[in-house]
Amino acid sequence: MAATNTTIVTDAADATANSVLNVSMTNVTKLTPTNYLMWSLQVHALLDGYGLAGYFDGSVTTSAATLTTGDVVTVNPAFTV
Protein backbone atom coordinates (compact mmCIF):
# COMPACT_ATOMS: atom_id res chain seq x y z
CA MET A 1 0.00 0.00 0.00
CA ALA A 2 1.44 3.35 -1.00
CA ALA A 3 1.66 6.08 1.61
CA THR A 4 -0.19 9.29 0.83
CA ASN A 5 0.64 12.64 2.39
CA THR A 6 -2.47 14.76 2.83
CA THR A 7 -2.69 18.18 4.43
CA ILE A 8 -6.05 19.37 5.67
CA VAL A 9 -6.46 23.04 6.54
CA THR A 10 -9.24 23.53 9.05
CA ASP A 11 -8.75 27.23 9.71
CA ALA A 12 -7.90 29.53 6.80
CA ALA A 13 -6.74 32.28 9.19
CA ASP A 14 -4.06 29.99 10.62
CA ALA A 15 -2.89 29.05 7.13
CA THR A 16 -2.48 32.66 6.01
CA ALA A 17 -1.04 33.90 9.32
CA ASN A 18 1.89 31.51 8.97
CA SER A 19 2.54 32.15 5.28
CA VAL A 20 6.02 33.20 4.28
CA LEU A 21 6.87 35.76 1.64
CA ASN A 22 8.20 33.68 -1.23
CA VAL A 23 9.59 35.30 -4.35
CA SER A 24 10.67 33.09 -7.20
CA MET A 25 14.21 33.90 -8.29
CA THR A 26 14.33 31.56 -11.27
CA ASN A 27 14.52 34.39 -13.80
CA VAL A 28 17.16 36.84 -12.57
CA THR A 29 17.60 39.80 -14.89
CA LYS A 30 19.78 42.87 -14.41
CA LEU A 31 17.67 45.98 -13.89
CA THR A 32 17.91 48.49 -16.70
CA PRO A 33 16.06 51.71 -17.52
CA THR A 34 13.79 49.70 -19.82
CA ASN A 35 12.76 46.96 -17.36
CA TYR A 36 12.81 48.90 -14.07
CA LEU A 37 9.21 50.14 -14.32
CA MET A 38 7.80 46.63 -14.79
CA TRP A 39 9.96 45.28 -11.95
CA SER A 40 8.87 48.12 -9.68
CA LEU A 41 5.18 47.51 -10.40
CA GLN A 42 5.57 43.79 -9.68
CA VAL A 43 7.42 44.38 -6.40
CA HIS A 44 4.89 46.99 -5.26
CA ALA A 45 2.00 44.63 -6.10
CA LEU A 46 3.70 41.87 -4.11
CA LEU A 47 4.24 44.15 -1.11
CA ASP A 48 0.66 45.44 -1.34
CA GLY A 49 -0.61 41.87 -1.43
CA TYR A 50 1.19 41.04 1.80
CA GLY A 51 0.26 44.36 3.42
CA LEU A 52 3.90 45.46 3.64
CA ALA A 53 3.98 48.42 1.24
CA GLY A 54 3.52 50.96 4.04
CA TYR A 55 6.80 49.92 5.63
CA PHE A 56 8.67 50.80 2.44
CA ASP A 57 6.89 54.00 1.45
CA GLY A 58 6.97 55.42 4.99
CA SER A 59 3.20 55.54 5.57
CA VAL A 60 3.51 53.03 8.45
CA THR A 61 5.61 54.26 11.34
CA THR A 62 7.04 52.16 14.13
CA SER A 63 6.36 52.77 17.80
CA ALA A 64 9.12 54.03 20.08
CA ALA A 65 10.92 51.24 21.95
CA THR A 66 10.60 53.09 25.26
CA LEU A 67 8.18 55.51 26.86
CA THR A 68 9.34 58.38 29.05
CA THR A 69 6.99 59.75 31.69
CA GLY A 70 8.68 62.44 33.75
CA ASP A 71 12.03 60.89 34.67
CA VAL A 72 10.85 57.28 34.33
CA VAL A 73 11.76 55.32 31.19
CA THR A 74 9.72 52.15 30.61
CA VAL A 75 9.47 49.60 27.82
CA ASN A 76 6.69 50.42 25.37
CA PRO A 77 4.25 47.46 25.29
CA ALA A 78 3.14 48.50 21.77
CA PHE A 79 6.71 48.10 20.45
CA THR A 80 7.32 44.65 19.03
CA VAL A 81 10.10 43.37 16.85
PDB file of N, CA and C in Angstrom:
ATOM      1  N   MET A   1       0.850  -1.177   0.000  1.00  0.00           N
ATOM      2  CA  MET A   1       0.000   0.000   0.000  1.00  0.00           C
ATOM      3  C   MET A   1       0.889   1.232   0.000  1.00  0.00           C
ATOM      4  N   ALA A   2       0.634   2.144  -0.895  1.00  0.00           N
ATOM      5  CA  ALA A   2       1.443   3.351  -1.002  1.00  0.00           C
ATOM      6  C   ALA A   2       1.000   4.371   0.035  1.00  0.00           C
ATOM      7  N   ALA A   3       1.973   5.045   0.624  1.00  0.00           N
ATOM      8  CA  ALA A   3       1.664   6.083   1.607  1.00  0.00           C
ATOM      9  C   ALA A   3       1.266   7.362   0.882  1.00  0.00           C
ATOM     10  N   THR A   4       0.279   8.040   1.423  1.00  0.00           N
ATOM     11  CA  THR A   4      -0.190   9.289   0.833  1.00  0.00           C
ATOM     12  C   THR A   4      -0.087  10.391   1.869  1.00  0.00           C
ATOM     13  N   ASN A   5       0.559  11.492   1.497  1.00  0.00           N
ATOM     14  CA  ASN A   5       0.644  12.642   2.390  1.00  0.00           C
ATOM     15  C   ASN A   5      -0.488  13.597   2.056  1.00  0.00           C
ATOM     16  N   THR A   6      -1.342  13.864   3.032  1.00  0.00           N
ATOM     17  CA  THR A   6      -2.471  14.755   2.827  1.00  0.00           C
ATOM     18  C   THR A   6      -2.449  15.827   3.898  1.00  0.00           C
ATOM     19  N   THR A   7      -2.616  17.076   3.490  1.00  0.00           N
ATOM     20  CA  THR A   7      -2.695  18.182   4.429  1.00  0.00           C
ATOM     21  C   THR A   7      -4.103  18.735   4.402  1.00  0.00           C
ATOM     22  N   ILE A   8      -4.706  18.829   5.567  1.00  0.00           N
ATOM     23  CA  ILE A   8      -6.051  19.372   5.670  1.00  0.00           C
ATOM     24  C   ILE A   8      -5.969  20.666   6.465  1.00  0.00           C
ATOM     25  N   VAL A   9      -6.440  21.749   5.865  1.00  0.00           N
ATOM     26  CA  VAL A   9      -6.456  23.038   6.544  1.00  0.00           C
ATOM     27  C   VAL A   9      -7.849  23.246   7.098  1.00  0.00           C
ATOM     28  N   THR A  10      -7.932  23.357   8.426  1.00  0.00           N
ATOM     29  CA  THR A  10      -9.239  23.531   9.049  1.00  0.00           C
ATOM     30  C   THR A  10      -9.545  24.991   9.338  1.00  0.00           C
ATOM     31  N   ASP A  11      -8.533  25.819   9.415  1.00  0.00           N
ATOM     32  CA  ASP A  11      -8.749  27.232   9.707  1.00  0.00           C
ATOM     33  C   ASP A  11      -7.928  28.059   8.735  1.00  0.00           C
ATOM     34  N   ALA A  12      -8.592  28.747   7.824  1.00  0.00           N
ATOM     35  CA  ALA A  12      -7.896  29.528   6.800  1.00  0.00           C
ATOM     36  C   ALA A  12      -7.063  30.640   7.414  1.00  0.00           C
ATOM     37  N   ALA A  13      -7.498  31.199   8.546  1.00  0.00           N
ATOM     38  CA  ALA A  13      -6.744  32.279   9.187  1.00  0.00           C
ATOM     39  C   ALA A  13      -5.383  31.773   9.646  1.00  0.00           C
ATOM     40  N   ASP A  14      -5.331  30.551  10.196  1.00  0.00           N
ATOM     41  CA  ASP A  14      -4.055  29.990  10.617  1.00  0.00           C
ATOM     42  C   ASP A  14      -3.142  29.752   9.426  1.00  0.00           C
ATOM     43  N   ALA A  15      -3.697  29.328   8.318  1.00  0.00           N
ATOM     44  CA  ALA A  15      -2.892  29.048   7.134  1.00  0.00           C
ATOM     45  C   ALA A  15      -2.281  30.324   6.580  1.00  0.00           C
ATOM     46  N   THR A  16      -3.024  31.419   6.563  1.00  0.00           N
ATOM     47  CA  THR A  16      -2.483  32.659   6.014  1.00  0.00           C
ATOM     48  C   THR A  16      -1.604  33.380   7.018  1.00  0.00           C
ATOM     49  N   ALA A  17      -1.851  33.226   8.308  1.00  0.00           N
ATOM     50  CA  ALA A  17      -1.042  33.901   9.316  1.00  0.00           C
ATOM     51  C   ALA A  17       0.383  33.369   9.322  1.00  0.00           C
ATOM     52  N   ASN A  18       0.566  32.116   8.949  1.00  0.00           N
ATOM     53  CA  ASN A  18       1.887  31.514   8.969  1.00  0.00           C
ATOM     54  C   ASN A  18       2.549  31.492   7.601  1.00  0.00           C
ATOM     55  N   SER A  19       1.958  32.164   6.618  1.00  0.00           N
ATOM     56  CA  SER A  19       2.541  32.146   5.284  1.00  0.00           C
ATOM     57  C   SER A  19       3.831  32.954   5.263  1.00  0.00           C
ATOM     58  N   VAL A  20       4.717  32.561   4.401  1.00  0.00           N
ATOM     59  CA  VAL A  20       6.017  33.203   4.281  1.00  0.00           C
ATOM     60  C   VAL A  20       6.101  33.868   2.920  1.00  0.00           C
ATOM     61  N   LEU A  21       6.673  35.055   2.900  1.00  0.00           N
ATOM     62  CA  LEU A  21       6.872  35.759   1.644  1.00  0.00           C
ATOM     63  C   LEU A  21       7.839  34.946   0.798  1.00  0.00           C
ATOM     64  N   ASN A  22       7.386  34.517  -0.364  1.00  0.00           N
ATOM     65  CA  ASN A  22       8.202  33.677  -1.226  1.00  0.00           C
ATOM     66  C   ASN A  22       8.241  34.293  -2.612  1.00  0.00           C
ATOM     67  N   VAL A  23       9.414  34.691  -3.037  1.00  0.00           N
ATOM     68  CA  VAL A  23       9.587  35.295  -4.350  1.00  0.00           C
ATOM     69  C   VAL A  23      10.441  34.354  -5.179  1.00  0.00           C
ATOM     70  N   SER A  24       9.935  33.980  -6.319  1.00  0.00           N
ATOM     71  CA  SER A  24      10.674  33.086  -7.199  1.00  0.00           C
ATOM     72  C   SER A  24      11.843  33.830  -7.832  1.00  0.00           C
ATOM     73  N   MET A  25      13.014  33.275  -7.726  1.00  0.00           N
ATOM     74  CA  MET A  25      14.207  33.902  -8.291  1.00  0.00           C
ATOM     75  C   MET A  25      14.750  33.076  -9.457  1.00  0.00           C
ATOM     76  N   THR A  26      13.872  32.405 -10.179  1.00  0.00           N
ATOM     77  CA  THR A  26      14.328  31.562 -11.274  1.00  0.00           C
ATOM     78  C   THR A  26      14.741  32.369 -12.489  1.00  0.00           C
ATOM     79  N   ASN A  27      14.186  33.559 -12.649  1.00  0.00           N
ATOM     80  CA  ASN A  27      14.517  34.391 -13.797  1.00  0.00           C
ATOM     81  C   ASN A  27      15.147  35.687 -13.294  1.00  0.00           C
ATOM     82  N   VAL A  28      16.447  35.673 -13.077  1.00  0.00           N
ATOM     83  CA  VAL A  28      17.157  36.837 -12.566  1.00  0.00           C
ATOM     84  C   VAL A  28      17.658  37.652 -13.751  1.00  0.00           C
ATOM     85  N   THR A  29      17.230  38.913 -13.803  1.00  0.00           N
ATOM     86  CA  THR A  29      17.605  39.801 -14.885  1.00  0.00           C
ATOM     87  C   THR A  29      18.143  41.091 -14.296  1.00  0.00           C
ATOM     88  N   LYS A  30      19.207  41.606 -14.861  1.00  0.00           N
ATOM     89  CA  LYS A  30      19.778  42.867 -14.410  1.00  0.00           C
ATOM     90  C   LYS A  30      18.781  43.992 -14.692  1.00  0.00           C
ATOM     91  N   LEU A  31      18.582  44.860 -13.690  1.00  0.00           N
ATOM     92  CA  LEU A  31      17.667  45.980 -13.890  1.00  0.00           C
ATOM     93  C   LEU A  31      18.294  47.008 -14.814  1.00  0.00           C
ATOM     94  N   THR A  32      17.487  47.474 -15.742  1.00  0.00           N
ATOM     95  CA  THR A  32      17.913  48.491 -16.701  1.00  0.00           C
ATOM     96  C   THR A  32      16.830  49.563 -16.755  1.00  0.00           C
ATOM     97  N   PRO A  33      17.104  50.687 -17.391  1.00  0.00           N
ATOM     98  CA  PRO A  33      16.060  51.712 -17.524  1.00  0.00           C
ATOM     99  C   PRO A  33      14.810  51.199 -18.246  1.00  0.00           C
ATOM    100  N   THR A  34      14.949  50.191 -19.077  1.00  0.00           N
ATOM    101  CA  THR A  34      13.786  49.699 -19.822  1.00  0.00           C
ATOM    102  C   THR A  34      12.955  48.683 -19.040  1.00  0.00           C
ATOM    103  N   ASN A  35      13.542  47.950 -18.091  1.00  0.00           N
ATOM    104  CA  ASN A  35      12.758  46.956 -17.358  1.00  0.00           C
ATOM    105  C   ASN A  35      12.475  47.358 -15.907  1.00  0.00           C
ATOM    106  N   TYR A  36      13.000  48.488 -15.462  1.00  0.00           N
ATOM    107  CA  TYR A  36      12.808  48.904 -14.070  1.00  0.00           C
ATOM    108  C   TYR A  36      11.338  49.146 -13.736  1.00  0.00           C
ATOM    109  N   LEU A  37      10.608  49.816 -14.610  1.00  0.00           N
ATOM    110  CA  LEU A  37       9.215  50.144 -14.320  1.00  0.00           C
ATOM    111  C   LEU A  37       8.387  48.877 -14.104  1.00  0.00           C
ATOM    112  N   MET A  38       8.546  47.882 -14.949  1.00  0.00           N
ATOM    113  CA  MET A  38       7.797  46.632 -14.795  1.00  0.00           C
ATOM    114  C   MET A  38       8.192  45.928 -13.500  1.00  0.00           C
ATOM    115  N   TRP A  39       9.488  45.890 -13.194  1.00  0.00           N
ATOM    116  CA  TRP A  39       9.958  45.278 -11.950  1.00  0.00           C
ATOM    117  C   TRP A  39       9.356  46.003 -10.748  1.00  0.00           C
ATOM    118  N   SER A  40       9.387  47.326 -10.783  1.00  0.00           N
ATOM    119  CA  SER A  40       8.871  48.124  -9.677  1.00  0.00           C
ATOM    120  C   SER A  40       7.381  47.862  -9.454  1.00  0.00           C
ATOM    121  N   LEU A  41       6.611  47.794 -10.523  1.00  0.00           N
ATOM    122  CA  LEU A  41       5.182  47.514 -10.402  1.00  0.00           C
ATOM    123  C   LEU A  41       4.935  46.129  -9.806  1.00  0.00           C
ATOM    124  N   GLN A  42       5.734  45.146 -10.202  1.00  0.00           N
ATOM    125  CA  GLN A  42       5.574  43.789  -9.679  1.00  0.00           C
ATOM    126  C   GLN A  42       5.921  43.726  -8.196  1.00  0.00           C
ATOM    127  N   VAL A  43       7.007  44.389  -7.806  1.00  0.00           N
ATOM    128  CA  VAL A  43       7.419  44.381  -6.398  1.00  0.00           C
ATOM    129  C   VAL A  43       6.385  45.120  -5.549  1.00  0.00           C
ATOM    130  N   HIS A  44       5.898  46.246  -6.020  1.00  0.00           N
ATOM    131  CA  HIS A  44       4.886  46.991  -5.265  1.00  0.00           C
ATOM    132  C   HIS A  44       3.599  46.180  -5.132  1.00  0.00           C
ATOM    133  N   ALA A  45       3.197  45.475  -6.176  1.00  0.00           N
ATOM    134  CA  ALA A  45       2.003  44.630  -6.103  1.00  0.00           C
ATOM    135  C   ALA A  45       2.203  43.505  -5.091  1.00  0.00           C
ATOM    136  N   LEU A  46       3.389  42.924  -5.065  1.00  0.00           N
ATOM    137  CA  LEU A  46       3.699  41.865  -4.109  1.00  0.00           C
ATOM    138  C   LEU A  46       3.636  42.398  -2.681  1.00  0.00           C
ATOM    139  N   LEU A  47       4.255  43.556  -2.450  1.00  0.00           N
ATOM    140  CA  LEU A  47       4.245  44.148  -1.113  1.00  0.00           C
ATOM    141  C   LEU A  47       2.833  44.557  -0.700  1.00  0.00           C
ATOM    142  N   ASP A  48       2.055  45.099  -1.631  1.00  0.00           N
ATOM    143  CA  ASP A  48       0.658  45.440  -1.340  1.00  0.00           C
ATOM    144  C   ASP A  48      -0.132  44.193  -0.972  1.00  0.00           C
ATOM    145  N   GLY A  49       0.102  43.115  -1.686  1.00  0.00           N
ATOM    146  CA  GLY A  49      -0.610  41.870  -1.428  1.00  0.00           C
ATOM    147  C   GLY A  49      -0.354  41.318  -0.043  1.00  0.00           C
ATOM    148  N   TYR A  50       0.853  41.507   0.463  1.00  0.00           N
ATOM    149  CA  TYR A  50       1.194  41.040   1.801  1.00  0.00           C
ATOM    150  C   TYR A  50       0.996  42.114   2.866  1.00  0.00           C
ATOM    151  N   GLY A  51       0.490  43.287   2.462  1.00  0.00           N
ATOM    152  CA  GLY A  51       0.255  44.364   3.417  1.00  0.00           C
ATOM    153  C   GLY A  51       1.527  44.986   3.958  1.00  0.00           C
ATOM    154  N   LEU A  52       2.603  44.958   3.183  1.00  0.00           N
ATOM    155  CA  LEU A  52       3.897  45.464   3.644  1.00  0.00           C
ATOM    156  C   LEU A  52       4.327  46.759   2.971  1.00  0.00           C
ATOM    157  N   ALA A  53       3.570  47.249   2.015  1.00  0.00           N
ATOM    158  CA  ALA A  53       3.985  48.421   1.239  1.00  0.00           C
ATOM    159  C   ALA A  53       4.201  49.639   2.125  1.00  0.00           C
ATOM    160  N   GLY A  54       3.400  49.807   3.151  1.00  0.00           N
ATOM    161  CA  GLY A  54       3.520  50.959   4.039  1.00  0.00           C
ATOM    162  C   GLY A  54       4.847  51.046   4.757  1.00  0.00           C
ATOM    163  N   TYR A  55       5.504  49.908   4.968  1.00  0.00           N
ATOM    164  CA  TYR A  55       6.802  49.920   5.627  1.00  0.00           C
ATOM    165  C   TYR A  55       7.893  50.441   4.697  1.00  0.00           C
ATOM    166  N   PHE A  56       7.678  50.348   3.401  1.00  0.00           N
ATOM    167  CA  PHE A  56       8.673  50.802   2.439  1.00  0.00           C
ATOM    168  C   PHE A  56       8.434  52.222   1.967  1.00  0.00           C
ATOM    169  N   ASP A  57       7.162  52.638   1.911  1.00  0.00           N
ATOM    170  CA  ASP A  57       6.895  54.001   1.451  1.00  0.00           C
ATOM    171  C   ASP A  57       6.814  55.002   2.600  1.00  0.00           C
ATOM    172  N   GLY A  58       6.934  54.526   3.843  1.00  0.00           N
ATOM    173  CA  GLY A  58       6.966  55.418   4.995  1.00  0.00           C
ATOM    174  C   GLY A  58       5.608  55.757   5.572  1.00  0.00           C
ATOM    175  N   SER A  59       4.526  55.218   5.039  1.00  0.00           N
ATOM    176  CA  SER A  59       3.201  55.539   5.566  1.00  0.00           C
ATOM    177  C   SER A  59       2.906  54.809   6.878  1.00  0.00           C
ATOM    178  N   VAL A  60       3.637  53.726   7.170  1.00  0.00           N
ATOM    179  CA  VAL A  60       3.509  53.031   8.445  1.00  0.00           C
ATOM    180  C   VAL A  60       4.734  53.384   9.277  1.00  0.00           C
ATOM    181  N   THR A  61       4.493  53.907  10.462  1.00  0.00           N
ATOM    182  CA  THR A  61       5.608  54.259  11.338  1.00  0.00           C
ATOM    183  C   THR A  61       5.678  53.261  12.482  1.00  0.00           C
ATOM    184  N   THR A  62       6.857  53.082  13.019  1.00  0.00           N
ATOM    185  CA  THR A  62       7.039  52.159  14.132  1.00  0.00           C
ATOM    186  C   THR A  62       6.877  52.907  15.447  1.00  0.00           C
ATOM    187  N   SER A  63       6.494  52.190  16.473  1.00  0.00           N
ATOM    188  CA  SER A  63       6.362  52.767  17.804  1.00  0.00           C
ATOM    189  C   SER A  63       7.745  52.932  18.420  1.00  0.00           C
ATOM    190  N   ALA A  64       7.855  53.850  19.358  1.00  0.00           N
ATOM    191  CA  ALA A  64       9.116  54.028  20.081  1.00  0.00           C
ATOM    192  C   ALA A  64       9.345  52.805  20.969  1.00  0.00           C
ATOM    193  N   ALA A  65      10.599  52.416  21.136  1.00  0.00           N
ATOM    194  CA  ALA A  65      10.924  51.242  21.946  1.00  0.00           C
ATOM    195  C   ALA A  65      10.688  51.495  23.429  1.00  0.00           C
ATOM    196  N   THR A  66      10.810  52.750  23.850  1.00  0.00           N
ATOM    197  CA  THR A  66      10.604  53.091  25.257  1.00  0.00           C
ATOM    198  C   THR A  66       9.664  54.280  25.378  1.00  0.00           C
ATOM    199  N   LEU A  67       9.038  54.376  26.535  1.00  0.00           N
ATOM    200  CA  LEU A  67       8.176  55.508  26.863  1.00  0.00           C
ATOM    201  C   LEU A  67       8.791  56.253  28.034  1.00  0.00           C
ATOM    202  N   THR A  68       8.792  57.569  27.967  1.00  0.00           N
ATOM    203  CA  THR A  68       9.339  58.379  29.050  1.00  0.00           C
ATOM    204  C   THR A  68       8.218  59.201  29.662  1.00  0.00           C
ATOM    205  N   THR A  69       7.981  58.980  30.945  1.00  0.00           N
ATOM    206  CA  THR A  69       6.993  59.751  31.691  1.00  0.00           C
ATOM    207  C   THR A  69       7.726  60.422  32.844  1.00  0.00           C
ATOM    208  N   GLY A  70       7.883  61.732  32.742  1.00  0.00           N
ATOM    209  CA  GLY A  70       8.677  62.435  33.751  1.00  0.00           C
ATOM    210  C   GLY A  70      10.124  61.994  33.624  1.00  0.00           C
ATOM    211  N   ASP A  71      10.651  61.399  34.686  1.00  0.00           N
ATOM    212  CA  ASP A  71      12.027  60.891  34.670  1.00  0.00           C
ATOM    213  C   ASP A  71      12.078  59.371  34.553  1.00  0.00           C
ATOM    214  N   VAL A  72      10.924  58.736  34.371  1.00  0.00           N
ATOM    215  CA  VAL A  72      10.854  57.277  34.334  1.00  0.00           C
ATOM    216  C   VAL A  72      10.787  56.798  32.887  1.00  0.00           C
ATOM    217  N   VAL A  73      11.727  55.912  32.530  1.00  0.00           N
ATOM    218  CA  VAL A  73      11.755  55.317  31.190  1.00  0.00           C
ATOM    219  C   VAL A  73      11.289  53.870  31.320  1.00  0.00           C
ATOM    220  N   THR A  74      10.246  53.514  30.565  1.00  0.00           N
ATOM    221  CA  THR A  74       9.722  52.153  30.605  1.00  0.00           C
ATOM    222  C   THR A  74       9.653  51.586  29.192  1.00  0.00           C
ATOM    223  N   VAL A  75       9.589  50.276  29.107  1.00  0.00           N
ATOM    224  CA  VAL A  75       9.471  49.601  27.819  1.00  0.00           C
ATOM    225  C   VAL A  75       8.067  49.831  27.279  1.00  0.00           C
ATOM    226  N   ASN A  76       7.973  50.180  26.017  1.00  0.00           N
ATOM    227  CA  ASN A  76       6.687  50.416  25.372  1.00  0.00           C
ATOM    228  C   ASN A  76       6.047  49.074  25.029  1.00  0.00           C
ATOM    229  N   PRO A  77       4.884  48.751  25.598  1.00  0.00           N
ATOM    230  CA  PRO A  77       4.252  47.460  25.290  1.00  0.00           C
ATOM    231  C   PRO A  77       3.764  47.370  23.841  1.00  0.00           C
ATOM    232  N   ALA A  78       3.589  48.506  23.167  1.00  0.00           N
ATOM    233  CA  ALA A  78       3.144  48.496  21.767  1.00  0.00           C
ATOM    234  C   ALA A  78       4.298  48.249  20.806  1.00  0.00           C
ATOM    235  N   PHE A  79       5.540  48.310  21.303  1.00  0.00           N
ATOM    236  CA  PHE A  79       6.708  48.101  20.451  1.00  0.00           C
ATOM    237  C   PHE A  79       7.022  46.620  20.393  1.00  0.00           C
ATOM    238  N   THR A  80       6.965  46.055  19.207  1.00  0.00           N
ATOM    239  CA  THR A  80       7.320  44.650  19.025  1.00  0.00           C
ATOM    240  C   THR A  80       8.266  44.532  17.852  1.00  0.00           C
ATOM    241  N   VAL A  81       9.134  43.587  17.933  1.00  0.00           N
ATOM    242  CA  VAL A  81      10.097  43.365  16.852  1.00  0.00           C
ATOM    243  C   VAL A  81       9.607  42.245  15.992  1.00  0.00           C
TER     244      VAL A  81
END
